[in-house]
Amino acid sequence: MIITKTTPYSKEEIEKLKEQFETYIKTVIDIKKKICSAGANRHFELEKILLENGSSQSDLWGGGIDIGTQMIDCNSFINIRAQDKNTSNEILNDHIRKKFEKLTEKFFKTIYE
C-alpha cells in the first residue's frame, strides 16, 4: 500500500506500509514541499506520484527506513542524477542527506516513541 502525505504516519499506517517488505519501507521525499510517499515496491512508483502532484525532480530523493532497527538509508536509483551532481545511488550532498534523514524521522516519529 502506498501512502503519500505531509504529516507523520500513524502506527496503523506504518503497519500498512510494512506490507511490501515486512520491516523495511521504501520512501521518496520532496525535501522542499515536505511530502513523503512510502510503501511501494520500487522508488520510481513513489517518485511518479509526487511528480504527478507537482513536485520538482530536483527536490525528490529516495531511501527508506528499517522499522526494526530504526535505521534510515539514503539509497535509491532515483538519486542518480548528473544534473543535480549526484552520481551515486546514495545522496552525496550532506545538506540534502541531512534534510532527507530529518524528514524521514519526522514522518516516522511514532516508531521512535
Protein backbone atom coordinates (compact mmCIF):
# COMPACT_ATOMS: atom_id res chain seq x y z
CA MET A 1 0.00 0.00 0.00
CA ILE A 2 1.27 3.46 -0.91
CA ILE A 3 0.50 6.41 1.34
CA THR A 4 1.52 9.97 0.43
CA LYS A 5 1.20 12.75 2.99
CA THR A 6 2.64 15.85 4.64
CA THR A 7 2.10 14.76 8.25
CA PRO A 8 3.66 11.89 10.24
CA TYR A 9 2.42 8.38 9.61
CA SER A 10 0.31 6.81 12.35
CA LYS A 11 1.18 3.40 13.78
CA GLU A 12 -1.70 1.93 11.79
CA GLU A 13 -0.42 3.48 8.55
CA ILE A 14 3.09 2.18 9.25
CA GLU A 15 1.67 -1.32 9.63
CA LYS A 16 0.07 -0.97 6.18
CA LEU A 17 3.31 0.42 4.69
CA LYS A 18 5.25 -2.58 6.01
CA GLU A 19 3.15 -5.00 3.92
CA GLN A 20 5.60 -4.86 0.99
CA PHE A 21 8.84 -5.81 2.83
CA GLU A 22 7.78 -6.63 6.43
CA THR A 23 10.24 -4.36 8.29
CA TYR A 24 11.57 -2.07 5.55
CA ILE A 25 9.66 0.80 3.98
CA LYS A 26 10.82 2.50 0.77
CA THR A 27 10.30 6.26 0.69
CA VAL A 28 10.62 9.20 -1.67
CA ILE A 29 10.53 12.62 -0.07
CA ASP A 30 10.05 16.03 -1.62
CA ILE A 31 12.52 17.86 0.61
CA LYS A 32 11.21 21.29 -0.41
CA LYS A 33 7.46 20.71 -0.03
CA LYS A 34 7.99 18.20 2.83
CA ILE A 35 5.83 15.47 1.31
CA CYS A 36 6.58 11.78 1.78
CA SER A 37 5.35 8.96 -0.42
CA ALA A 38 6.01 5.50 1.02
CA GLY A 39 5.17 1.83 0.74
CA ALA A 40 5.88 0.88 -2.88
CA ASN A 41 7.90 -1.99 -4.27
CA ARG A 42 10.06 0.41 -6.32
CA HIS A 43 11.10 4.00 -5.66
CA PHE A 44 10.11 5.15 -9.14
CA GLU A 45 6.46 4.36 -8.31
CA LEU A 46 6.61 6.84 -5.41
CA GLU A 47 8.55 9.36 -7.48
CA LYS A 48 5.86 9.23 -10.19
CA ILE A 49 3.11 10.04 -7.66
CA LEU A 50 4.97 13.09 -6.38
CA LEU A 51 5.83 14.33 -9.88
CA GLU A 52 2.18 13.99 -10.93
CA ASN A 53 1.26 16.11 -7.91
CA GLY A 54 3.57 18.97 -8.84
CA SER A 55 6.89 18.14 -7.21
CA SER A 56 10.10 19.10 -8.95
CA GLN A 57 12.52 16.27 -9.84
CA SER A 58 15.45 18.04 -8.16
CA ASP A 59 13.57 18.06 -4.84
CA LEU A 60 12.82 14.31 -4.83
CA TRP A 61 15.15 11.91 -3.03
CA GLY A 62 14.75 8.23 -2.29
CA GLY A 63 15.68 5.90 0.51
CA GLY A 64 13.92 4.08 3.25
CA ILE A 65 13.66 3.08 6.86
CA ASP A 66 14.12 -0.23 8.62
CA ILE A 67 11.38 -0.29 11.24
CA GLY A 68 13.11 -2.98 13.29
CA THR A 69 16.46 -1.21 13.66
CA GLN A 70 15.15 2.35 13.09
CA MET A 71 17.97 2.83 10.57
CA ILE A 72 17.44 5.30 7.73
CA ASP A 73 19.16 4.82 4.41
CA CYS A 74 19.50 7.23 1.51
CA ASN A 75 19.91 4.69 -1.28
CA SER A 76 17.83 4.62 -4.45
CA PHE A 77 18.33 4.50 -8.21
CA ILE A 78 16.23 7.68 -8.49
CA ASN A 79 19.05 9.52 -6.68
CA ILE A 80 21.40 9.06 -9.67
CA ARG A 81 21.14 12.42 -11.40
CA ALA A 82 24.09 14.10 -13.10
CA GLN A 83 22.16 17.38 -13.42
CA ASP A 84 21.97 17.52 -9.59
CA LYS A 85 25.62 16.43 -9.21
CA ASN A 86 24.57 13.13 -7.62
CA THR A 87 26.33 10.30 -9.46
CA SER A 88 25.51 7.59 -6.92
CA ASN A 89 22.52 5.70 -5.51
CA GLU A 90 23.40 7.38 -2.22
CA ILE A 91 22.56 11.03 -1.53
CA LEU A 92 26.04 12.58 -1.74
CA ASN A 93 25.27 16.17 -0.75
CA ASP A 94 25.48 16.35 3.06
CA HIS A 95 22.90 19.16 3.30
CA ILE A 96 20.34 17.25 1.21
CA ARG A 97 21.12 13.99 3.02
CA LYS A 98 20.55 15.59 6.44
CA LYS A 99 17.25 17.11 5.25
CA PHE A 100 16.13 13.71 3.95
CA GLU A 101 17.08 11.99 7.22
CA LYS A 102 15.40 14.66 9.37
CA LEU A 103 12.20 14.48 7.32
CA THR A 104 12.23 10.67 7.49
CA GLU A 105 12.48 10.92 11.29
CA LYS A 106 9.54 13.34 11.25
CA PHE A 107 7.33 11.15 9.06
CA PHE A 108 8.14 8.00 11.07
CA LYS A 109 8.36 9.57 14.53
CA THR A 110 5.91 7.04 16.00
CA ILE A 111 8.50 4.25 15.68
CA TYR A 112 10.85 6.20 17.97
CA GLU A 113 8.27 6.57 20.75
